[in-house]
Amino acid sequence: MTAPVLDAPDVVTRAIAGDSNAFAGLYEQYHGLVFRFIYRRVGNPTIAEDLAADVFVRVLRRINTFTWQGTDIGAWLLAITRNIVADYYKSGRCRFEIASGDGRDDTRASSDLEARPEETVTEHLNNVAVLRLLNDLAPDQHDVMVLRFLRGLSLAETAGVMGKNESAVKALQYRAVRNLARQLPEGWTR
């Protein structure tokens, strides 16, 4: 008995209709491809796995927008994957990662760390302090800050995740930033 082709229109149609088994089949078929694509671009398996999970969350939220255009669903998945990787680099979440590859970045990052250890320690302590203050925010404000600044989601994506409109997310974000600024020690800079 041969396994059914998972990108056949009936499987995708079932996934669009909410069939979790059909979606699970698509996930199993394409997860490896998505992971490898991301891993080649970020060079870190943990980050690649996190971003692959983000891809399938986005696919799950948007599968009902998929339309057949002469290619299989894999092309659509890779377009979403490219966008997730681009968002990752644009968001700055990667700025603390040491790039893998030819080693030039590793040497530069290592020498920077040795040249300014006090700044590195201070930056880490500041990050820890801000994360502690973030946990003191109201739940909605906390969620907005995490989704927008730590996860790098857009206003529209954050609104979708939270089930709110974009204006409400903007207001929550404004109040959260204002509350964090009030709690920071005087003279604190980043």
N, C-alpha and C. Protein backbone atom coordinates (compact mmCIF):
# COMPACT_ATOMS: atom_id res chain seq x y z
N MET A 1 0.85 -1.18 0.00
CA MET A 1 0.00 0.00 0.00
C MET A 1 0.89 1.23 0.00
N THR A 2 0.65 2.16 -0.91
CA THR A 2 1.47 3.37 -0.98
C THR A 2 0.80 4.50 -0.23
N ALA A 3 1.64 5.39 0.32
CA ALA A 3 1.11 6.55 1.04
C ALA A 3 0.51 7.53 0.05
N PRO A 4 -0.58 8.18 0.41
CA PRO A 4 -1.19 9.15 -0.50
C PRO A 4 -0.28 10.36 -0.67
N VAL A 5 -0.36 10.99 -1.82
CA VAL A 5 0.38 12.22 -2.06
C VAL A 5 -0.28 13.31 -1.22
N LEU A 6 0.52 13.91 -0.34
CA LEU A 6 -0.08 14.83 0.62
C LEU A 6 -0.39 16.21 0.07
N ASP A 7 0.18 16.57 -1.08
CA ASP A 7 -0.15 17.88 -1.61
C ASP A 7 -1.28 17.81 -2.63
N ALA A 8 -1.94 16.67 -2.69
CA ALA A 8 -3.09 16.52 -3.57
C ALA A 8 -4.18 17.47 -3.12
N PRO A 9 -4.96 17.97 -4.06
CA PRO A 9 -5.99 18.96 -3.71
C PRO A 9 -6.93 18.53 -2.60
N ASP A 10 -7.26 17.24 -2.53
CA ASP A 10 -8.22 16.82 -1.49
C ASP A 10 -7.62 16.93 -0.09
N VAL A 11 -6.33 16.65 0.07
CA VAL A 11 -5.69 16.77 1.39
C VAL A 11 -5.60 18.23 1.79
N VAL A 12 -5.19 19.08 0.86
CA VAL A 12 -5.10 20.51 1.16
C VAL A 12 -6.50 21.05 1.46
N THR A 13 -7.48 20.63 0.71
CA THR A 13 -8.86 21.07 0.94
C THR A 13 -9.32 20.66 2.34
N ARG A 14 -8.98 19.44 2.74
CA ARG A 14 -9.34 18.98 4.09
C ARG A 14 -8.61 19.80 5.15
N ALA A 15 -7.35 20.13 4.91
CA ALA A 15 -6.59 20.95 5.86
C ALA A 15 -7.22 22.34 5.98
N ILE A 16 -7.62 22.90 4.85
CA ILE A 16 -8.28 24.22 4.85
C ILE A 16 -9.58 24.15 5.64
N ALA A 17 -10.29 23.03 5.53
CA ALA A 17 -11.56 22.86 6.23
C ALA A 17 -11.37 22.59 7.72
N GLY A 18 -10.11 22.46 8.16
CA GLY A 18 -9.87 22.26 9.59
C GLY A 18 -9.55 20.85 9.99
N ASP A 19 -9.33 19.96 9.05
CA ASP A 19 -8.99 18.57 9.35
C ASP A 19 -7.56 18.53 9.91
N SER A 20 -7.43 18.28 11.19
CA SER A 20 -6.11 18.30 11.84
C SER A 20 -5.21 17.17 11.33
N ASN A 21 -5.79 16.04 10.95
CA ASN A 21 -4.97 14.95 10.41
C ASN A 21 -4.35 15.33 9.06
N ALA A 22 -5.11 16.03 8.24
CA ALA A 22 -4.58 16.48 6.95
C ALA A 22 -3.47 17.50 7.18
N PHE A 23 -3.69 18.42 8.11
CA PHE A 23 -2.65 19.42 8.40
C PHE A 23 -1.40 18.73 8.97
N ALA A 24 -1.62 17.75 9.84
CA ALA A 24 -0.48 17.01 10.40
C ALA A 24 0.31 16.31 9.30
N GLY A 25 -0.38 15.78 8.30
CA GLY A 25 0.30 15.15 7.18
C GLY A 25 1.13 16.15 6.40
N LEU A 26 0.59 17.34 6.18
CA LEU A 26 1.36 18.39 5.50
C LEU A 26 2.57 18.78 6.33
N TYR A 27 2.37 18.88 7.63
CA TYR A 27 3.49 19.22 8.53
C TYR A 27 4.59 18.17 8.43
N GLU A 28 4.21 16.90 8.52
CA GLU A 28 5.21 15.83 8.45
C GLU A 28 5.95 15.83 7.11
N GLN A 29 5.23 16.09 6.04
CA GLN A 29 5.86 16.07 4.72
C GLN A 29 6.80 17.25 4.53
N TYR A 30 6.46 18.42 5.04
CA TYR A 30 7.22 19.62 4.71
C TYR A 30 8.09 20.17 5.84
N HIS A 31 7.97 19.66 7.04
CA HIS A 31 8.76 20.21 8.14
C HIS A 31 10.26 20.12 7.88
N GLY A 32 10.73 18.99 7.39
CA GLY A 32 12.16 18.82 7.12
C GLY A 32 12.66 19.83 6.09
N LEU A 33 11.90 20.03 5.04
CA LEU A 33 12.26 20.99 4.01
C LEU A 33 12.34 22.41 4.58
N VAL A 34 11.34 22.78 5.36
CA VAL A 34 11.29 24.11 5.97
C VAL A 34 12.46 24.28 6.93
N PHE A 35 12.70 23.29 7.78
CA PHE A 35 13.79 23.37 8.74
C PHE A 35 15.14 23.53 8.04
N ARG A 36 15.40 22.70 7.03
CA ARG A 36 16.68 22.78 6.31
C ARG A 36 16.86 24.14 5.64
N PHE A 37 15.81 24.66 5.05
CA PHE A 37 15.86 25.96 4.39
C PHE A 37 16.27 27.03 5.41
N ILE A 38 15.64 27.02 6.57
CA ILE A 38 15.93 28.02 7.60
C ILE A 38 17.32 27.80 8.17
N TYR A 39 17.67 26.56 8.46
CA TYR A 39 18.96 26.26 9.07
C TYR A 39 20.11 26.75 8.19
N ARG A 40 19.98 26.58 6.88
CA ARG A 40 21.04 27.05 5.97
C ARG A 40 21.19 28.57 6.05
N ARG A 41 20.15 29.26 6.45
CA ARG A 41 20.22 30.72 6.49
C ARG A 41 20.59 31.28 7.86
N VAL A 42 20.26 30.57 8.93
CA VAL A 42 20.58 31.10 10.26
C VAL A 42 21.73 30.38 10.94
N GLY A 43 22.02 29.14 10.54
CA GLY A 43 23.16 28.42 11.06
C GLY A 43 23.06 27.96 12.50
N ASN A 44 21.88 28.01 13.08
CA ASN A 44 21.69 27.60 14.47
C ASN A 44 20.46 26.70 14.53
N PRO A 45 20.62 25.44 14.95
CA PRO A 45 19.48 24.52 14.92
C PRO A 45 18.35 24.91 15.85
N THR A 46 18.65 25.50 16.98
CA THR A 46 17.59 25.91 17.92
C THR A 46 16.75 27.03 17.32
N ILE A 47 17.43 28.02 16.76
CA ILE A 47 16.71 29.12 16.13
C ILE A 47 15.94 28.61 14.92
N ALA A 48 16.55 27.72 14.15
CA ALA A 48 15.88 27.17 12.97
C ALA A 48 14.60 26.44 13.38
N GLU A 49 14.65 25.69 14.47
CA GLU A 49 13.45 24.97 14.93
C GLU A 49 12.37 25.96 15.39
N ASP A 50 12.78 27.01 16.11
CA ASP A 50 11.81 28.02 16.54
C ASP A 50 11.16 28.70 15.34
N LEU A 51 11.96 29.06 14.35
CA LEU A 51 11.42 29.73 13.17
C LEU A 51 10.55 28.77 12.35
N ALA A 52 10.92 27.50 12.29
CA ALA A 52 10.09 26.51 11.59
C ALA A 52 8.73 26.40 12.28
N ALA A 53 8.73 26.43 13.59
CA ALA A 53 7.45 26.41 14.33
C ALA A 53 6.63 27.65 13.98
N ASP A 54 7.30 28.81 13.90
CA ASP A 54 6.60 30.04 13.52
C ASP A 54 5.98 29.91 12.13
N VAL A 55 6.70 29.26 11.21
CA VAL A 55 6.18 29.06 9.86
C VAL A 55 4.88 28.28 9.92
N PHE A 56 4.86 27.17 10.66
CA PHE A 56 3.66 26.34 10.66
C PHE A 56 2.51 26.97 11.45
N VAL A 57 2.83 27.82 12.41
CA VAL A 57 1.77 28.58 13.07
C VAL A 57 1.14 29.54 12.07
N ARG A 58 1.99 30.23 11.31
CA ARG A 58 1.47 31.16 10.30
C ARG A 58 0.68 30.41 9.23
N VAL A 59 1.18 29.25 8.82
CA VAL A 59 0.47 28.44 7.81
C VAL A 59 -0.90 28.03 8.36
N LEU A 60 -0.94 27.60 9.59
CA LEU A 60 -2.21 27.19 10.19
C LEU A 60 -3.20 28.34 10.21
N ARG A 61 -2.70 29.54 10.56
CA ARG A 61 -3.59 30.71 10.60
C ARG A 61 -4.04 31.13 9.21
N ARG A 62 -3.22 30.86 8.19
CA ARG A 62 -3.51 31.40 6.85
C ARG A 62 -3.82 30.34 5.81
N ILE A 63 -3.99 29.11 6.21
CA ILE A 63 -4.20 28.05 5.21
C ILE A 63 -5.46 28.28 4.39
N ASN A 64 -6.42 28.95 4.99
CA ASN A 64 -7.66 29.20 4.25
C ASN A 64 -7.47 30.23 3.13
N THR A 65 -6.30 30.88 3.04
CA THR A 65 -6.03 31.81 1.95
C THR A 65 -5.30 31.14 0.78
N PHE A 66 -4.90 29.88 0.95
CA PHE A 66 -4.17 29.18 -0.09
C PHE A 66 -5.08 28.88 -1.27
N THR A 67 -4.59 29.17 -2.48
CA THR A 67 -5.30 28.79 -3.70
C THR A 67 -4.33 28.09 -4.63
N TRP A 68 -4.82 27.09 -5.35
CA TRP A 68 -3.99 26.34 -6.29
C TRP A 68 -3.63 27.24 -7.45
N GLN A 69 -2.32 27.31 -7.77
CA GLN A 69 -1.87 28.13 -8.90
C GLN A 69 -0.89 27.34 -9.78
N GLY A 70 -1.12 26.08 -9.91
CA GLY A 70 -0.29 25.26 -10.76
C GLY A 70 0.94 24.69 -10.08
N THR A 71 1.17 25.01 -8.82
CA THR A 71 2.29 24.45 -8.07
C THR A 71 1.74 23.79 -6.82
N ASP A 72 2.58 22.97 -6.19
CA ASP A 72 2.09 22.32 -4.97
C ASP A 72 2.16 23.30 -3.80
N ILE A 73 1.62 22.90 -2.70
CA ILE A 73 1.57 23.76 -1.53
C ILE A 73 2.97 24.03 -0.97
N GLY A 74 3.93 23.21 -1.33
CA GLY A 74 5.31 23.42 -0.87
C GLY A 74 5.87 24.77 -1.30
N ALA A 75 5.53 25.23 -2.48
CA ALA A 75 6.01 26.53 -2.95
C ALA A 75 5.44 27.64 -2.06
N TRP A 76 4.18 27.52 -1.69
CA TRP A 76 3.55 28.50 -0.81
C TRP A 76 4.22 28.46 0.57
N LEU A 77 4.49 27.26 1.08
CA LEU A 77 5.17 27.12 2.37
C LEU A 77 6.55 27.77 2.35
N LEU A 78 7.30 27.58 1.26
CA LEU A 78 8.62 28.18 1.18
C LEU A 78 8.56 29.70 1.06
N ALA A 79 7.53 30.22 0.44
CA ALA A 79 7.36 31.68 0.39
C ALA A 79 7.15 32.22 1.80
N ILE A 80 6.33 31.54 2.58
CA ILE A 80 6.11 31.94 3.97
C ILE A 80 7.41 31.79 4.76
N THR A 81 8.14 30.73 4.51
CA THR A 81 9.41 30.50 5.21
C THR A 81 10.39 31.62 4.91
N ARG A 82 10.50 32.00 3.65
CA ARG A 82 11.40 33.12 3.29
C ARG A 82 11.00 34.39 4.04
N ASN A 83 9.71 34.65 4.13
CA ASN A 83 9.23 35.84 4.84
C ASN A 83 9.56 35.77 6.33
N ILE A 84 9.41 34.61 6.93
CA ILE A 84 9.73 34.45 8.36
C ILE A 84 11.22 34.71 8.59
N VAL A 85 12.08 34.17 7.73
CA VAL A 85 13.52 34.39 7.87
C VAL A 85 13.85 35.87 7.69
N ALA A 86 13.23 36.50 6.70
CA ALA A 86 13.46 37.94 6.49
C ALA A 86 12.99 38.73 7.70
N ASP A 87 11.83 38.39 8.25
CA ASP A 87 11.33 39.07 9.45
C ASP A 87 12.29 38.88 10.62
N TYR A 88 12.85 37.69 10.73
CA TYR A 88 13.80 37.40 11.81
C TYR A 88 15.00 38.34 11.73
N TYR A 89 15.56 38.49 10.54
CA TYR A 89 16.72 39.35 10.39
C TYR A 89 16.35 40.83 10.55
N LYS A 90 15.19 41.23 10.07
CA LYS A 90 14.77 42.63 10.20
C LYS A 90 14.46 43.00 11.64
N SER A 91 13.95 42.05 12.41
CA SER A 91 13.51 42.34 13.77
C SER A 91 14.67 42.58 14.72
N GLY A 92 15.86 42.16 14.36
CA GLY A 92 17.00 42.35 15.24
C GLY A 92 17.16 41.23 16.25
N ARG A 93 16.28 40.23 16.21
CA ARG A 93 16.42 39.12 17.16
C ARG A 93 17.73 38.39 16.95
N CYS A 94 18.29 38.52 15.76
CA CYS A 94 19.50 37.77 15.44
C CYS A 94 20.76 38.53 15.83
N ARG A 95 20.66 39.77 16.27
CA ARG A 95 21.85 40.59 16.47
C ARG A 95 22.80 40.04 17.51
N PHE A 96 22.32 39.21 18.41
CA PHE A 96 23.18 38.65 19.45
C PHE A 96 23.77 37.31 19.05
N GLU A 97 23.33 36.80 17.91
CA GLU A 97 23.82 35.51 17.47
C GLU A 97 25.14 35.67 16.74
N ILE A 98 26.03 34.75 16.92
CA ILE A 98 27.29 34.75 16.19
C ILE A 98 27.07 33.96 14.92
N ALA A 99 27.33 34.60 13.79
CA ALA A 99 27.08 33.95 12.50
C ALA A 99 28.03 32.77 12.32
N SER A 100 27.50 31.71 11.71
CA SER A 100 28.36 30.58 11.39
C SER A 100 28.79 30.71 9.95
N GLY A 101 29.80 29.97 9.60
CA GLY A 101 30.24 30.04 8.21
C GLY A 101 31.74 30.03 8.13
N ASP A 102 32.32 31.13 7.59
CA ASP A 102 33.75 31.14 7.34
C ASP A 102 34.57 31.46 8.58
N GLY A 103 33.94 31.83 9.68
CA GLY A 103 34.67 32.06 10.93
C GLY A 103 35.07 33.50 11.14
N ARG A 104 34.99 34.34 10.13
CA ARG A 104 35.38 35.73 10.31
C ARG A 104 34.49 36.41 11.33
N ASP A 105 33.20 36.16 11.29
CA ASP A 105 32.29 36.76 12.26
C ASP A 105 32.58 36.26 13.66
N ASP A 106 32.93 34.96 13.80
CA ASP A 106 33.23 34.41 15.11
C ASP A 106 34.43 35.12 15.73
N THR A 107 35.46 35.38 14.95
CA THR A 107 36.67 36.03 15.45
C THR A 107 36.35 37.46 15.88
N ARG A 108 35.58 38.18 15.05
CA ARG A 108 35.24 39.55 15.36
C ARG A 108 34.41 39.61 16.65
N ALA A 109 33.40 38.74 16.76
CA ALA A 109 32.56 38.73 17.95
C ALA A 109 33.37 38.39 19.19
N SER A 110 34.27 37.43 19.07
CA SER A 110 35.11 37.05 20.20
C SER A 110 36.02 38.19 20.61
N SER A 111 36.65 38.88 19.65
CA SER A 111 37.55 39.98 20.00
C SER A 111 36.76 41.15 20.58
N ASP A 112 35.53 41.40 20.09
CA ASP A 112 34.70 42.46 20.67
C ASP A 112 34.39 42.16 22.13
N LEU A 113 34.07 40.90 22.42
CA LEU A 113 33.76 40.49 23.79
C LEU A 113 34.96 40.70 24.70
N GLU A 114 36.16 40.35 24.21
CA GLU A 114 37.37 40.52 25.01
C GLU A 114 37.72 41.98 25.18
N ALA A 115 37.42 42.81 24.18
CA ALA A 115 37.78 44.23 24.22
C ALA A 115 36.88 45.02 25.16
N ARG A 116 35.66 44.57 25.38
CA ARG A 116 34.73 45.34 26.20
C ARG A 116 33.89 44.44 27.11
N PRO A 117 34.52 43.70 28.00
CA PRO A 117 33.76 42.78 28.85
C PRO A 117 32.80 43.51 29.79
N GLU A 118 33.18 44.71 30.26
CA GLU A 118 32.29 45.46 31.16
C GLU A 118 30.99 45.83 30.46
N GLU A 119 31.11 46.26 29.20
CA GLU A 119 29.91 46.62 28.44
C GLU A 119 29.03 45.40 28.20
N THR A 120 29.63 44.27 27.93
CA THR A 120 28.88 43.05 27.68
C THR A 120 28.11 42.63 28.93
N VAL A 121 28.76 42.69 30.08
CA VAL A 121 28.11 42.33 31.34
C VAL A 121 26.99 43.32 31.66
N THR A 122 27.26 44.61 31.48
CA THR A 122 26.25 45.64 31.75
C THR A 122 25.04 45.45 30.84
N GLU A 123 25.28 45.17 29.56
CA GLU A 123 24.18 44.95 28.62
C GLU A 123 23.34 43.75 29.05
N HIS A 124 24.00 42.67 29.47
CA HIS A 124 23.27 41.48 29.92
C HIS A 124 22.42 41.81 31.15
N LEU A 125 23.00 42.51 32.11
CA LEU A 125 22.27 42.87 33.33
C LEU A 125 21.08 43.77 33.01
N ASN A 126 21.27 44.71 32.07
CA ASN A 126 20.17 45.57 31.66
C ASN A 126 19.05 44.76 31.02
N ASN A 127 19.40 43.79 30.17
CA ASN A 127 18.39 42.94 29.55
C ASN A 127 17.62 42.15 30.60
N VAL A 128 18.32 41.61 31.58
CA VAL A 128 17.68 40.85 32.66
C VAL A 128 16.73 41.76 33.43
N ALA A 129 17.17 42.99 33.72
CA ALA A 129 16.34 43.93 34.47
C ALA A 129 15.07 44.27 33.70
N VAL A 130 15.18 44.51 32.41
CA VAL A 130 14.01 44.84 31.60
C VAL A 130 13.06 43.65 31.53
N LEU A 131 13.60 42.45 31.39
CA LEU A 131 12.73 41.26 31.35
C LEU A 131 11.99 41.07 32.67
N ARG A 132 12.64 41.36 33.78
CA ARG A 132 11.94 41.28 35.09
C ARG A 132 10.81 42.30 35.15
N LEU A 133 11.09 43.53 34.70
CA LEU A 133 10.06 44.57 34.71
C LEU A 133 8.91 44.19 33.77
N LEU A 134 9.24 43.55 32.67
CA LEU A 134 8.23 43.13 31.72
C LEU A 134 7.24 42.17 32.37
N ASN A 135 7.73 41.32 33.26
CA ASN A 135 6.86 40.37 33.94
C ASN A 135 5.91 41.04 34.93
N ASP A 136 6.21 42.29 35.30
CA ASP A 136 5.35 43.02 36.23
C ASP A 136 4.21 43.76 35.53
N LEU A 137 4.22 43.78 34.20
CA LEU A 137 3.16 44.46 33.46
C LEU A 137 1.85 43.68 33.53
N ALA A 138 0.76 44.37 33.23
CA ALA A 138 -0.54 43.71 33.11
C ALA A 138 -0.42 42.63 32.02
N PRO A 139 -1.16 41.54 32.11
CA PRO A 139 -1.02 40.44 31.15
C PRO A 139 -1.11 40.86 29.68
N ASP A 140 -2.08 41.70 29.31
CA ASP A 140 -2.20 42.12 27.91
C ASP A 140 -1.00 42.94 27.47
N GLN A 141 -0.53 43.83 28.35
CA GLN A 141 0.64 44.64 28.01
C GLN A 141 1.88 43.75 27.87
N HIS A 142 2.03 42.81 28.77
CA HIS A 142 3.14 41.86 28.69
C HIS A 142 3.11 41.11 27.37
N ASP A 143 1.93 40.60 27.00
CA ASP A 143 1.80 39.83 25.77
C ASP A 143 2.15 40.67 24.55
N VAL A 144 1.69 41.93 24.52
CA VAL A 144 1.99 42.80 23.39
C VAL A 144 3.50 43.01 23.28
N MET A 145 4.17 43.28 24.38
CA MET A 145 5.61 43.53 24.35
C MET A 145 6.37 42.28 23.89
N VAL A 146 5.97 41.13 24.37
CA VAL A 146 6.64 39.89 23.98
C VAL A 146 6.42 39.62 22.49
N LEU A 147 5.19 39.72 22.04
CA LEU A 147 4.89 39.44 20.64
C LEU A 147 5.55 40.45 19.70
N ARG A 148 5.50 41.72 20.06
CA ARG A 148 6.03 42.76 19.17
C ARG A 148 7.55 42.81 19.18
N PHE A 149 8.18 42.78 20.37
CA PHE A 149 9.60 43.07 20.46
C PHE A 149 10.49 41.84 20.66
N LEU A 150 9.98 40.82 21.30
CA LEU A 150 10.79 39.62 21.46
C LEU A 150 10.53 38.62 20.34
N ARG A 151 9.29 38.50 19.91
CA ARG A 151 8.96 37.58 18.82
C ARG A 151 9.03 38.26 17.46
N GLY A 152 9.00 39.59 17.43
CA GLY A 152 9.15 40.33 16.18
C GLY A 152 7.93 40.34 15.29
N LEU A 153 6.75 40.16 15.85
CA LEU A 153 5.54 40.16 15.04
C LEU A 153 5.14 41.59 14.67
N SER A 154 4.49 41.73 13.55
CA SER A 154 3.98 43.04 13.12
C SER A 154 2.75 43.38 13.96
N LEU A 155 2.27 44.63 13.81
CA LEU A 155 1.05 45.01 14.51
C LEU A 155 -0.12 44.11 14.11
N ALA A 156 -0.25 43.88 12.81
CA ALA A 156 -1.36 43.06 12.31
C ALA A 156 -1.27 41.63 12.85
N GLU A 157 -0.07 41.05 12.85
CA GLU A 157 0.10 39.69 13.36
C GLU A 157 -0.19 39.63 14.86
N THR A 158 0.29 40.63 15.59
CA THR A 158 0.04 40.68 17.03
C THR A 158 -1.45 40.78 17.30
N ALA A 159 -2.12 41.65 16.54
CA ALA A 159 -3.57 41.81 16.71
C ALA A 159 -4.28 40.48 16.44
N GLY A 160 -3.85 39.76 15.41
CA GLY A 160 -4.45 38.47 15.10
C GLY A 160 -4.25 37.45 16.20
N VAL A 161 -3.02 37.39 16.74
CA VAL A 161 -2.73 36.43 17.80
C VAL A 161 -3.55 36.74 19.05
N MET A 162 -3.66 38.03 19.35
CA MET A 162 -4.35 38.43 20.58
C MET A 162 -5.86 38.55 20.42
N GLY A 163 -6.34 38.48 19.19
CA GLY A 163 -7.78 38.62 18.96
C GLY A 163 -8.27 40.04 19.19
N LYS A 164 -7.41 41.02 18.90
CA LYS A 164 -7.76 42.43 19.08
C LYS A 164 -7.54 43.15 17.76
N ASN A 165 -8.05 44.38 17.66
CA ASN A 165 -7.77 45.16 16.46
C ASN A 165 -6.43 45.89 16.63
N GLU A 166 -5.90 46.42 15.54
CA GLU A 166 -4.57 47.04 15.57
C GLU A 166 -4.54 48.26 16.46
N SER A 167 -5.61 49.03 16.51
CA SER A 167 -5.66 50.21 17.38
C SER A 167 -5.52 49.82 18.85
N ALA A 168 -6.18 48.73 19.23
CA ALA A 168 -6.08 48.26 20.61
C ALA A 168 -4.67 47.81 20.93
N VAL A 169 -4.01 47.15 19.97
CA VAL A 169 -2.63 46.70 20.17
C VAL A 169 -1.70 47.91 20.31
N LYS A 170 -1.90 48.92 19.47
CA LYS A 170 -1.08 50.14 19.57
C LYS A 170 -1.24 50.79 20.95
N ALA A 171 -2.47 50.87 21.42
CA ALA A 171 -2.72 51.47 22.73
C ALA A 171 -2.07 50.66 23.84
N LEU A 172 -2.20 49.33 23.78
CA LEU A 172 -1.56 48.47 24.78
C LEU A 172 -0.04 48.64 24.74
N GLN A 173 0.50 48.68 23.54
CA GLN A 173 1.95 48.84 23.40
C GLN A 173 2.40 50.18 23.98
N TYR A 174 1.67 51.25 23.69
CA TYR A 174 2.02 52.58 24.21
C TYR A 174 2.01 52.56 25.74
N ARG A 175 0.94 52.01 26.33
CA ARG A 175 0.85 51.96 27.79
C ARG A 175 1.96 51.10 28.39
N ALA A 176 2.27 49.99 27.74
CA ALA A 176 3.32 49.10 28.24
C ALA A 176 4.68 49.80 28.22
N VAL A 177 5.00 50.47 27.13
CA VAL A 177 6.27 51.20 27.04
C VAL A 177 6.32 52.30 28.09
N ARG A 178 5.23 53.02 28.24
CA ARG A 178 5.16 54.09 29.25
C ARG A 178 5.34 53.52 30.66
N ASN A 179 4.70 52.39 30.95
CA ASN A 179 4.83 51.76 32.27
C ASN A 179 6.26 51.27 32.51
N LEU A 180 6.87 50.69 31.49
CA LEU A 180 8.26 50.25 31.63
C LEU A 180 9.19 51.43 31.87
N ALA A 181 8.97 52.52 31.14
CA ALA A 181 9.82 53.70 31.30
C ALA A 181 9.72 54.26 32.71
N ARG A 182 8.53 54.23 33.29
CA ARG A 182 8.34 54.71 34.67
C ARG A 182 9.08 53.84 35.69
N GLN A 183 9.18 52.55 35.40
CA GLN A 183 9.79 51.63 36.35
C GLN A 183 11.31 51.58 36.25
N LEU A 184 11.87 52.04 35.14
CA LEU A 184 13.33 51.99 34.98
C LEU A 184 14.00 52.98 35.92
N PRO A 185 15.14 52.61 36.47
CA PRO A 185 15.85 53.51 37.35
C PRO A 185 16.24 54.80 36.61
N GLU A 186 16.29 55.89 37.35
CA GLU A 186 16.66 57.16 36.75
C GLU A 186 18.08 57.07 36.16
N GLY A 187 18.22 57.61 34.98
CA GLY A 187 19.52 57.58 34.32
C GLY A 187 19.83 56.30 33.59
N TRP A 188 18.89 55.33 33.60
CA TRP A 188 19.12 54.06 32.91
C TRP A 188 19.16 54.30 31.42
N THR A 189 20.17 53.75 30.76
CA THR A 189 20.25 53.83 29.31
C THR A 189 20.59 52.46 28.76
N ARG A 190 20.28 52.30 27.54
CA ARG A 190 20.57 51.03 26.85
C ARG A 190 21.62 51.30 25.83
